[in-house]
Amino acid sequence: MSERSLKRLMVQETGLSFGRWRRQLHLVIALRELASGATVQRVSSDLGYESATAFIVMFKKALGTTPARYFAS
């Protein structure tokens, strides 16, 4: 399958681009791991972010708050 066909199929099946789908998957994994007590540093590293700060920025853009504040509520 060509890259272009895969991109079209991904949008058709999920309604999301691959990049957006991947970010959503990262959020689901991060929420599960953080809720079970994992550190932000470990989760960000496991998900391939270059730094915890980069992960926190992505988290805040997606959910409107930092992981610490999200779980403090």
N, C-alpha and C. Protein backbone atom coordinates (compact mmCIF):
# COMPACT_ATOMS: atom_id res chain seq x y z
N MET A 1 0.85 -1.17 0.00
CA MET A 1 0.00 0.00 0.00
C MET A 1 0.90 1.24 0.00
N SER A 2 0.55 2.20 -0.78
CA SER A 2 1.34 3.43 -0.83
C SER A 2 1.08 4.28 0.42
N GLU A 3 2.00 5.16 0.70
CA GLU A 3 1.85 6.06 1.85
C GLU A 3 0.60 6.91 1.71
N ARG A 4 0.37 7.38 0.51
CA ARG A 4 -0.80 8.22 0.26
C ARG A 4 -2.11 7.47 0.50
N SER A 5 -2.16 6.21 0.04
CA SER A 5 -3.37 5.40 0.27
C SER A 5 -3.56 5.13 1.75
N LEU A 6 -2.48 4.88 2.46
CA LEU A 6 -2.57 4.64 3.90
C LEU A 6 -3.08 5.88 4.62
N LYS A 7 -2.61 7.06 4.22
CA LYS A 7 -3.08 8.30 4.84
C LYS A 7 -4.57 8.48 4.62
N ARG A 8 -5.04 8.24 3.40
CA ARG A 8 -6.46 8.38 3.10
C ARG A 8 -7.29 7.37 3.89
N LEU A 9 -6.81 6.14 3.97
CA LEU A 9 -7.52 5.10 4.71
C LEU A 9 -7.58 5.44 6.20
N MET A 10 -6.51 5.96 6.74
CA MET A 10 -6.46 6.33 8.15
C MET A 10 -7.53 7.39 8.46
N VAL A 11 -7.60 8.41 7.63
CA VAL A 11 -8.60 9.47 7.84
C VAL A 11 -10.00 8.91 7.65
N GLN A 12 -10.17 8.07 6.66
CA GLN A 12 -11.48 7.48 6.38
C GLN A 12 -11.95 6.61 7.55
N GLU A 13 -11.07 5.82 8.10
CA GLU A 13 -11.45 4.87 9.17
C GLU A 13 -11.53 5.51 10.55
N THR A 14 -10.68 6.50 10.82
CA THR A 14 -10.64 7.07 12.17
C THR A 14 -11.11 8.51 12.26
N GLY A 15 -11.13 9.19 11.12
CA GLY A 15 -11.47 10.61 11.12
C GLY A 15 -10.29 11.48 11.55
N LEU A 16 -9.14 10.87 11.75
CA LEU A 16 -7.95 11.59 12.21
C LEU A 16 -6.77 11.31 11.29
N SER A 17 -5.89 12.30 11.19
CA SER A 17 -4.63 12.05 10.51
C SER A 17 -3.80 11.12 11.38
N PHE A 18 -2.76 10.52 10.83
CA PHE A 18 -1.93 9.63 11.62
C PHE A 18 -1.30 10.36 12.79
N GLY A 19 -0.81 11.58 12.56
CA GLY A 19 -0.18 12.36 13.62
C GLY A 19 -1.14 12.65 14.76
N ARG A 20 -2.35 13.03 14.42
CA ARG A 20 -3.36 13.32 15.46
C ARG A 20 -3.76 12.05 16.20
N TRP A 21 -3.92 10.95 15.47
CA TRP A 21 -4.25 9.68 16.09
C TRP A 21 -3.15 9.25 17.07
N ARG A 22 -1.90 9.44 16.65
CA ARG A 22 -0.77 9.08 17.50
C ARG A 22 -0.75 9.92 18.79
N ARG A 23 -1.03 11.22 18.67
CA ARG A 23 -1.09 12.07 19.86
C ARG A 23 -2.21 11.62 20.80
N GLN A 24 -3.35 11.25 20.24
CA GLN A 24 -4.46 10.76 21.06
C GLN A 24 -4.08 9.46 21.78
N LEU A 25 -3.39 8.59 21.06
CA LEU A 25 -2.93 7.34 21.66
C LEU A 25 -1.95 7.63 22.79
N HIS A 26 -1.04 8.56 22.57
CA HIS A 26 -0.09 8.95 23.62
C HIS A 26 -0.82 9.49 24.84
N LEU A 27 -1.86 10.26 24.64
CA LEU A 27 -2.62 10.78 25.78
C LEU A 27 -3.30 9.67 26.56
N VAL A 28 -3.88 8.72 25.87
CA VAL A 28 -4.56 7.61 26.54
C VAL A 28 -3.54 6.82 27.36
N ILE A 29 -2.41 6.51 26.76
CA ILE A 29 -1.36 5.77 27.47
C ILE A 29 -0.85 6.58 28.65
N ALA A 30 -0.60 7.87 28.43
CA ALA A 30 -0.08 8.72 29.50
C ALA A 30 -1.05 8.81 30.66
N LEU A 31 -2.32 9.00 30.38
CA LEU A 31 -3.32 9.09 31.45
C LEU A 31 -3.36 7.80 32.26
N ARG A 32 -3.32 6.68 31.58
CA ARG A 32 -3.33 5.39 32.28
C ARG A 32 -2.10 5.23 33.16
N GLU A 33 -0.93 5.53 32.60
CA GLU A 33 0.31 5.36 33.35
C GLU A 33 0.43 6.34 34.50
N LEU A 34 0.08 7.59 34.27
CA LEU A 34 0.17 8.59 35.33
C LEU A 34 -0.83 8.29 36.45
N ALA A 35 -2.01 7.81 36.09
CA ALA A 35 -3.01 7.46 37.10
C ALA A 35 -2.55 6.29 37.96
N SER A 36 -1.71 5.44 37.39
CA SER A 36 -1.22 4.29 38.16
C SER A 36 0.05 4.62 38.95
N GLY A 37 0.47 5.90 38.90
CA GLY A 37 1.59 6.32 39.74
C GLY A 37 2.91 6.53 39.04
N ALA A 38 2.97 6.36 37.74
CA ALA A 38 4.21 6.59 37.01
C ALA A 38 4.57 8.07 37.03
N THR A 39 5.85 8.37 36.98
CA THR A 39 6.30 9.76 36.95
C THR A 39 6.16 10.34 35.54
N VAL A 40 6.06 11.64 35.49
CA VAL A 40 6.01 12.33 34.20
C VAL A 40 7.28 12.03 33.41
N GLN A 41 8.41 12.01 34.08
CA GLN A 41 9.68 11.74 33.41
C GLN A 41 9.67 10.36 32.75
N ARG A 42 9.18 9.36 33.48
CA ARG A 42 9.16 8.01 32.92
C ARG A 42 8.19 7.91 31.75
N VAL A 43 7.00 8.48 31.92
CA VAL A 43 6.00 8.42 30.85
C VAL A 43 6.50 9.14 29.61
N SER A 44 7.06 10.32 29.79
CA SER A 44 7.55 11.07 28.63
C SER A 44 8.66 10.31 27.92
N SER A 45 9.53 9.69 28.67
CA SER A 45 10.62 8.90 28.08
C SER A 45 10.07 7.68 27.36
N ASP A 46 9.15 6.96 27.99
CA ASP A 46 8.55 5.77 27.39
C ASP A 46 7.83 6.08 26.08
N LEU A 47 7.24 7.27 26.00
CA LEU A 47 6.51 7.67 24.80
C LEU A 47 7.39 8.31 23.74
N GLY A 48 8.68 8.48 24.06
CA GLY A 48 9.63 8.97 23.06
C GLY A 48 9.81 10.47 23.00
N TYR A 49 9.33 11.18 23.99
CA TYR A 49 9.53 12.63 24.00
C TYR A 49 10.97 12.93 24.40
N GLU A 50 11.53 13.99 23.84
CA GLU A 50 12.92 14.35 24.11
C GLU A 50 13.12 14.83 25.53
N SER A 51 12.05 15.35 26.13
CA SER A 51 12.15 15.84 27.50
C SER A 51 10.77 15.79 28.15
N ALA A 52 10.78 15.83 29.47
CA ALA A 52 9.51 15.89 30.20
C ALA A 52 8.77 17.17 29.86
N THR A 53 9.53 18.25 29.64
CA THR A 53 8.91 19.53 29.30
C THR A 53 8.14 19.44 27.99
N ALA A 54 8.70 18.78 26.99
CA ALA A 54 8.01 18.62 25.70
C ALA A 54 6.72 17.83 25.90
N PHE A 55 6.76 16.81 26.72
CA PHE A 55 5.56 16.03 27.02
C PHE A 55 4.51 16.88 27.72
N ILE A 56 4.94 17.67 28.71
CA ILE A 56 4.02 18.52 29.46
C ILE A 56 3.35 19.54 28.54
N VAL A 57 4.11 20.09 27.61
CA VAL A 57 3.55 21.04 26.64
C VAL A 57 2.46 20.37 25.81
N MET A 58 2.74 19.16 25.31
CA MET A 58 1.74 18.43 24.53
C MET A 58 0.51 18.14 25.38
N PHE A 59 0.70 17.69 26.60
CA PHE A 59 -0.39 17.37 27.51
C PHE A 59 -1.26 18.60 27.76
N LYS A 60 -0.60 19.72 28.03
CA LYS A 60 -1.33 20.96 28.33
C LYS A 60 -2.10 21.46 27.11
N LYS A 61 -1.51 21.35 25.91
CA LYS A 61 -2.22 21.75 24.70
C LYS A 61 -3.47 20.90 24.50
N ALA A 62 -3.36 19.62 24.79
CA ALA A 62 -4.48 18.71 24.55
C ALA A 62 -5.56 18.81 25.62
N LEU A 63 -5.14 18.93 26.88
CA LEU A 63 -6.11 18.86 27.98
C LEU A 63 -6.29 20.16 28.75
N GLY A 64 -5.52 21.18 28.40
CA GLY A 64 -5.71 22.49 29.01
C GLY A 64 -5.06 22.69 30.36
N THR A 65 -4.34 21.70 30.83
CA THR A 65 -3.67 21.80 32.11
C THR A 65 -2.47 20.84 32.14
N THR A 66 -1.64 21.02 33.12
CA THR A 66 -0.46 20.14 33.24
C THR A 66 -0.88 18.81 33.87
N PRO A 67 -0.04 17.79 33.73
CA PRO A 67 -0.37 16.51 34.36
C PRO A 67 -0.57 16.63 35.87
N ALA A 68 0.26 17.39 36.55
CA ALA A 68 0.14 17.54 38.01
C ALA A 68 -1.20 18.14 38.39
N ARG A 69 -1.61 19.18 37.69
CA ARG A 69 -2.90 19.82 38.00
C ARG A 69 -4.07 18.93 37.60
N TYR A 70 -3.90 18.21 36.51
CA TYR A 70 -4.96 17.30 36.05
C TYR A 70 -5.28 16.27 37.12
N PHE A 71 -4.24 15.70 37.71
CA PHE A 71 -4.45 14.65 38.70
C PHE A 71 -4.66 15.19 40.11
N ALA A 72 -4.46 16.48 40.32
CA ALA A 72 -4.73 17.09 41.64
C ALA A 72 -6.21 17.37 41.81
N SER A 73 -6.93 17.47 40.70
CA SER A 73 -8.36 17.80 40.76
C SER A 73 -9.20 16.64 41.23
